[in-house]
C-alpha atoms as a PDB file:
ATOM      1  CA  MET A   1       0.149  15.085  -6.045  1.00  0.00           C
ATOM      2  CA  GLU A   2      -3.593  16.455  -6.994  1.00  0.00           C
ATOM      3  CA  ALA A   3      -6.168  16.815  -4.229  1.00  0.00           C
ATOM      4  CA  ALA A   4      -8.278  14.244  -6.042  1.00  0.00           C
ATOM      5  CA  ARG A   5      -8.118  12.446  -8.970  1.00  0.00           C
ATOM      6  CA  ARG A   6     -11.595  11.913 -10.771  1.00  0.00           C
ATOM      7  CA  THR A   7     -12.642   9.350 -13.250  1.00  0.00           C
ATOM      8  CA  GLU A   8     -15.063   9.174 -15.302  1.00  0.00           C
ATOM      9  CA  ALA A   9     -17.270   6.554 -13.551  1.00  0.00           C
ATOM     10  CA  GLY A  10     -17.150   8.566 -10.402  1.00  0.00           C
ATOM     11  CA  PRO A  11     -14.817   7.710  -7.645  1.00  0.00           C
ATOM     12  CA  VAL A  12     -12.465  10.085  -6.712  1.00  0.00           C
ATOM     13  CA  VAL A  13      -9.143   9.346  -4.902  1.00  0.00           C
ATOM     14  CA  ARG A  14      -7.895  11.920  -2.292  1.00  0.00           C
ATOM     15  CA  PRO A  15      -5.677  11.869   0.607  1.00  0.00           C
ATOM     16  CA  GLU A  16      -6.970  10.397   3.900  1.00  0.00           C
ATOM     17  CA  GLN A  17      -8.908  13.245   6.088  1.00  0.00           C
ATOM     18  CA  PRO A  18      -9.637  13.569   9.861  1.00  0.00           C
ATOM     19  CA  GLY A  19     -12.399  11.683  10.113  1.00  0.00           C
ATOM     20  CA  ASP A  20     -12.045   8.906   7.821  1.00  0.00           C
ATOM     21  CA  GLU A  21     -10.154   6.644  10.372  1.00  0.00           C
ATOM     22  CA  ALA A  22     -13.193   4.604  11.428  1.00  0.00           C
ATOM     23  CA  ALA A  23     -14.342   4.206   7.865  1.00  0.00           C
ATOM     24  CA  ILE A  24     -10.958   3.035   6.740  1.00  0.00           C
ATOM     25  CA  ARG A  25     -10.643   0.573   9.551  1.00  0.00           C
ATOM     26  CA  GLN A  26     -14.148  -0.941   8.774  1.00  0.00           C
ATOM     27  CA  LEU A  27     -13.159  -1.085   5.384  1.00  0.00           C
ATOM     28  CA  THR A  28     -10.129  -2.819   6.046  1.00  0.00           C
ATOM     29  CA  VAL A  29     -11.349  -5.303   8.219  1.00  0.00           C
ATOM     30  CA  ALA A  30     -14.173  -6.178   5.448  1.00  0.00           C
ATOM     31  CA  ALA A  31     -11.584  -6.583   2.667  1.00  0.00           C
ATOM     32  CA  PHE A  32      -9.302  -8.873   4.279  1.00  0.00           C
ATOM     33  CA  ALA A  33     -12.345 -10.944   6.155  1.00  0.00           C
ATOM     34  CA  GLU A  34     -12.160 -13.901   3.622  1.00  0.00           C
ATOM     35  CA  ALA A  35      -8.584 -13.296   2.373  1.00  0.00           C
ATOM     36  CA  PRO A  36      -6.518 -16.551   3.118  1.00  0.00           C
ATOM     37  CA  HIS A  37      -3.349 -14.821   3.604  1.00  0.00           C
ATOM     38  CA  ALA A  38      -4.769 -12.356   5.885  1.00  0.00           C
ATOM     39  CA  ASP A  39      -4.000 -12.494   9.832  1.00  0.00           C
ATOM     40  CA  GLY A  40      -6.724 -10.038  10.907  1.00  0.00           C
ATOM     41  CA  THR A  41      -4.235  -7.447  11.873  1.00  0.00           C
ATOM     42  CA  GLU A  42      -4.392  -5.351   9.031  1.00  0.00           C
ATOM     43  CA  HIS A  43      -6.745  -2.515  10.356  1.00  0.00           C
ATOM     44  CA  LEU A  44      -4.387  -2.416  13.271  1.00  0.00           C
ATOM     45  CA  ILE A  45      -1.531  -1.899  11.047  1.00  0.00           C
ATOM     46  CA  VAL A  46      -2.909   1.042   9.380  1.00  0.00           C
ATOM     47  CA  ASP A  47      -3.668   2.382  13.032  1.00  0.00           C
ATOM     48  CA  ALA A  48      -0.300   1.850  14.287  1.00  0.00           C
ATOM     49  CA  LEU A  49       1.432   3.445  11.245  1.00  0.00           C
ATOM     50  CA  ARG A  50      -1.057   6.298  11.637  1.00  0.00           C
ATOM     51  CA  ALA A  51      -0.367   6.549  15.116  1.00  0.00           C
ATOM     52  CA  ALA A  52       3.395   6.843  14.815  1.00  0.00           C
ATOM     53  CA  GLY A  53       3.348   9.075  12.114  1.00  0.00           C
ATOM     54  CA  GLN A  54       4.715   6.760   9.632  1.00  0.00           C
ATOM     55  CA  LEU A  55       2.213   7.036   6.672  1.00  0.00           C
ATOM     56  CA  THR A  56       3.972   8.419   3.515  1.00  0.00           C
ATOM     57  CA  LEU A  57       0.588   8.192   1.697  1.00  0.00           C
ATOM     58  CA  SER A  58      -2.844   7.171   3.079  1.00  0.00           C
ATOM     59  CA  LEU A  59      -5.181   7.185   0.097  1.00  0.00           C
ATOM     60  CA  VAL A  60      -8.809   6.750  -0.138  1.00  0.00           C
ATOM     61  CA  VAL A  61     -11.257   6.209  -2.702  1.00  0.00           C
ATOM     62  CA  GLU A  62     -14.893   7.865  -2.247  1.00  0.00           C
ATOM     63  CA  ASP A  63     -17.755   7.097  -4.311  1.00  0.00           C
ATOM     64  CA  GLY A  64     -20.936   8.597  -3.558  1.00  0.00           C
ATOM     65  CA  GLY A  65     -19.909   9.857  -0.088  1.00  0.00           C
ATOM     66  CA  GLU A  66     -18.494   6.255   0.711  1.00  0.00           C
ATOM     67  CA  ILE A  67     -14.961   4.991   1.275  1.00  0.00           C
ATOM     68  CA  VAL A  68     -14.916   2.133  -0.687  1.00  0.00           C
ATOM     69  CA  GLY A  69     -10.947   1.758  -1.011  1.00  0.00           C
ATOM     70  CA  HIS A  70      -8.002   2.469   0.763  1.00  0.00           C
ATOM     71  CA  VAL A  71      -3.973   1.787   0.430  1.00  0.00           C
ATOM     72  CA  ALA A  72      -1.123   2.853   3.311  1.00  0.00           C
ATOM     73  CA  LEU A  73       2.203   3.600   2.083  1.00  0.00           C
ATOM     74  CA  SER A  74       4.900   3.789   4.769  1.00  0.00           C
ATOM     75  CA  PRO A  75       8.931   4.249   5.167  1.00  0.00           C
ATOM     76  CA  VAL A  76      10.754   1.125   4.927  1.00  0.00           C
ATOM     77  CA  ALA A  77      14.382   0.605   5.830  1.00  0.00           C
ATOM     78  CA  ILE A  78      16.977  -1.690   3.929  1.00  0.00           C
ATOM     79  CA  SER A  79      20.128  -3.267   5.296  1.00  0.00           C
ATOM     80  CA  ASP A  80      22.406  -1.904   2.608  1.00  0.00           C
ATOM     81  CA  GLY A  81      21.498   1.850   4.039  1.00  0.00           C
ATOM     82  CA  THR A  82      19.511   2.843   0.934  1.00  0.00           C
ATOM     83  CA  ALA A  83      17.238   5.682   1.708  1.00  0.00           C
ATOM     84  CA  GLY A  84      13.768   6.684   0.109  1.00  0.00           C
ATOM     85  CA  TRP A  85      12.107   3.432  -0.425  1.00  0.00           C
ATOM     86  CA  HIS A  86       8.479   2.732   0.812  1.00  0.00           C
ATOM     87  CA  GLY A  87       6.146  -0.009   1.543  1.00  0.00           C
ATOM     88  CA  LEU A  88       2.958  -0.417  -0.227  1.00  0.00           C
ATOM     89  CA  GLY A  89      -0.021  -1.913   2.385  1.00  0.00           C
ATOM     90  CA  PRO A  90      -2.441  -2.815   3.287  1.00  0.00           C
ATOM     91  CA  ILE A  91      -4.576  -2.019   0.332  1.00  0.00           C
ATOM     92  CA  SER A  92      -8.264  -2.510   0.961  1.00  0.00           C
ATOM     93  CA  VAL A  93     -11.104  -2.502  -1.410  1.00  0.00           C
ATOM     94  CA  ALA A  94     -14.713  -2.842  -0.496  1.00  0.00           C
ATOM     95  CA  PRO A  95     -15.728  -6.684  -1.051  1.00  0.00           C
ATOM     96  CA  ALA A  96     -18.995  -5.573  -2.894  1.00  0.00           C
ATOM     97  CA  ARG A  97     -16.650  -3.387  -5.296  1.00  0.00           C
ATOM     98  CA  GLN A  98     -13.813  -5.947  -5.916  1.00  0.00           C
ATOM     99  CA  GLY A  99     -12.970  -6.443 -10.042  1.00  0.00           C
ATOM    100  CA  GLN A 100     -14.360  -2.681 -10.714  1.00  0.00           C
ATOM    101  CA  GLY A 101     -11.064  -1.005 -10.960  1.00  0.00           C
ATOM    102  CA  ILE A 102     -10.816   0.410  -7.457  1.00  0.00           C
ATOM    103  CA  GLY A 103      -7.477  -1.109  -6.844  1.00  0.00           C
ATOM    104  CA  ARG A 104      -6.399  -0.001 -10.041  1.00  0.00           C
ATOM    105  CA  LEU A 105      -7.077   3.518  -9.055  1.00  0.00           C
ATOM    106  CA  LEU A 106      -5.346   3.112  -5.642  1.00  0.00           C
ATOM    107  CA  MET A 107      -1.996   1.795  -7.290  1.00  0.00           C
ATOM    108  CA  ASP A 108      -2.002   4.085  -9.901  1.00  0.00           C
ATOM    109  CA  ALA A 109      -2.477   7.286  -7.381  1.00  0.00           C
ATOM    110  CA  ALA A 110      -0.235   5.636  -4.966  1.00  0.00           C
ATOM    111  CA  LEU A 111       2.567   5.114  -7.212  1.00  0.00           C
ATOM    112  CA  ALA A 112       2.308   8.682  -8.847  1.00  0.00           C
ATOM    113  CA  GLY A 113       2.191  10.188  -5.161  1.00  0.00           C
ATOM    114  CA  LEU A 114       5.378   8.361  -4.458  1.00  0.00           C
ATOM    115  CA  ARG A 115       7.219   9.401  -7.650  1.00  0.00           C
ATOM    116  CA  ASP A 116       5.866  13.050  -6.974  1.00  0.00           C
ATOM    117  CA  ALA A 117       7.227  12.947  -3.395  1.00  0.00           C
ATOM    118  CA  GLY A 118      10.644  12.022  -4.863  1.00  0.00           C
ATOM    119  CA  ALA A 119      10.627   8.549  -3.599  1.00  0.00           C
ATOM    120  CA  GLN A 120      13.420   5.943  -5.121  1.00  0.00           C
ATOM    121  CA  GLY A 121      11.002   2.804  -5.209  1.00  0.00           C
ATOM    122  CA  CYS A 122       8.478   0.701  -3.725  1.00  0.00           C
ATOM    123  CA  VAL A 123       8.043  -2.825  -2.204  1.00  0.00           C
ATOM    124  CA  LEU A 124       5.392  -4.900  -1.640  1.00  0.00           C
ATOM    125  CA  LEU A 125       4.167  -8.442  -0.531  1.00  0.00           C
ATOM    126  CA  GLY A 126       1.429  -9.666  -2.894  1.00  0.00           C
ATOM    127  CA  ASP A 127       0.252 -11.522  -6.133  1.00  0.00           C
ATOM    128  CA  PRO A 128       2.730 -11.222  -9.062  1.00  0.00           C
ATOM    129  CA  ALA A 129      -0.144 -11.355 -11.270  1.00  0.00           C
ATOM    130  CA  PHE A 130      -1.931  -8.393 -10.062  1.00  0.00           C
ATOM    131  CA  TYR A 131       1.153  -6.201  -9.063  1.00  0.00           C
ATOM    132  CA  GLY A 132       3.283  -7.254 -12.180  1.00  0.00           C
ATOM    133  CA  ARG A 133       0.730  -4.821 -14.247  1.00  0.00           C
ATOM    134  CA  PHE A 134       2.138  -1.982 -12.224  1.00  0.00           C
ATOM    135  CA  GLY A 135       5.781  -2.816 -12.947  1.00  0.00           C
ATOM    136  CA  PHE A 136       6.154  -4.620  -9.682  1.00  0.00           C
ATOM    137  CA  VAL A 137       9.137  -7.596 -10.153  1.00  0.00           C
ATOM    138  CA  VAL A 138      10.865  -9.633  -8.053  1.00  0.00           C
ATOM    139  CA  ARG A 139      14.511  -8.623  -7.432  1.00  0.00           C
ATOM    140  CA  PRO A 140      16.959 -10.735  -6.516  1.00  0.00           C
ATOM    141  CA  GLY A 141      19.228  -9.653  -3.728  1.00  0.00           C
ATOM    142  CA  LEU A 142      16.317  -7.451  -1.968  1.00  0.00           C
ATOM    143  CA  VAL A 143      14.472  -9.694  -0.058  1.00  0.00           C
ATOM    144  CA  LEU A 144      11.989  -9.889   2.828  1.00  0.00           C
ATOM    145  CA  PRO A 145      12.794 -12.441   5.442  1.00  0.00           C
ATOM    146  CA  SER A 146      10.361 -15.192   6.295  1.00  0.00           C
ATOM    147  CA  VAL A 147       8.010 -14.622   3.273  1.00  0.00           C
ATOM    148  CA  PRO A 148       7.997 -16.692   0.264  1.00  0.00           C
ATOM    149  CA  PRO A 149      10.576 -14.913  -2.280  1.00  0.00           C
ATOM    150  CA  GLU A 150       8.129 -14.794  -5.354  1.00  0.00           C
ATOM    151  CA  TYR A 151       5.614 -12.374  -3.386  1.00  0.00           C
ATOM    152  CA  PHE A 152       8.074  -9.921  -2.454  1.00  0.00           C
ATOM    153  CA  GLN A 153       8.147  -7.470  -5.236  1.00  0.00           C
ATOM    154  CA  ALA A 154       9.612  -4.215  -5.897  1.00  0.00           C
ATOM    155  CA  VAL A 155       9.665  -1.129  -8.431  1.00  0.00           C
ATOM    156  CA  SER A 156      12.658   1.267  -8.687  1.00  0.00           C
ATOM    157  CA  PHE A 157      11.546   4.702  -9.801  1.00  0.00           C
ATOM    158  CA  HIS A 158      14.944   5.615 -10.915  1.00  0.00           C
ATOM    159  CA  GLY A 159      16.552   2.675 -12.151  1.00  0.00           C
ATOM    160  CA  ALA A 160      19.099   1.966  -9.084  1.00  0.00           C
ATOM    161  CA  TRP A 161      17.951  -1.203  -6.933  1.00  0.00           C
ATOM    162  CA  PRO A 162      18.948  -1.437  -3.358  1.00  0.00           C
ATOM    163  CA  VAL A 163      20.579  -5.241  -1.926  1.00  0.00           C
ATOM    164  CA  GLY A 164      19.671  -6.164   1.200  1.00  0.00           C
ATOM    165  CA  GLU A 165      17.001  -7.131   3.797  1.00  0.00           C
ATOM    166  CA  VAL A 166      13.700  -4.789   3.831  1.00  0.00           C
ATOM    167  CA  ARG A 167      12.403  -4.003   7.440  1.00  0.00           C
ATOM    168  CA  TYR A 168       9.086  -2.772   7.549  1.00  0.00           C
ATOM    169  CA  HIS A 169       7.877  -0.414  10.698  1.00  0.00           C
ATOM    170  CA  ALA A 170       7.473  -2.215  13.709  1.00  0.00           C
ATOM    171  CA  ALA A 171       3.627  -1.294  13.206  1.00  0.00           C
ATOM    172  CA  PHE A 172       3.479  -4.612  10.921  1.00  0.00           C
ATOM    173  CA  GLY A 173       4.415  -6.378  14.215  1.00  0.00           C
ATOM    174  CA  VAL A 174       1.225  -5.404  15.907  1.00  0.00           C
ATOM    175  CA  GLY A 175      -1.184  -8.372  17.254  1.00  0.00           C
ATOM    176  CA  ALA A 176       1.719 -10.661  16.422  1.00  0.00           C
END
């Protein structure tokens, strides 16, 4: 992936750099503060993934020197033994910048980065109306236990679909 992807409007998507941690933490807390599905641990998940060396990609959107978006991607395990799959999330956009295309920039860069790295596919838990725009679908046989199945979605980069239960890194249980 390129070091940065610039848009006409000015925001730049770039990999997380040392020193970005506090801004990412603040952004993630703010982005999920009013979200009805949030449990308040999203920033702790990112910190724990980073500490465990489990961030496949950690991308930020910077605009005018301020981090206004962030997405974390980490490896997932699938019970059928399929390798090369990753989980997307948390994804955060500054509340004042939501609805301005920051999420789309993050999604496009995250999926391109995974493809460039040779990943097989990506899973996430989220709104089908939003993530369907990026090719995510509910895939029968690919499940995340204890969540509504209509919100667990996947995209395959090479056409092959695993079948089994998905398990995220233990960092996703932080604070539980």
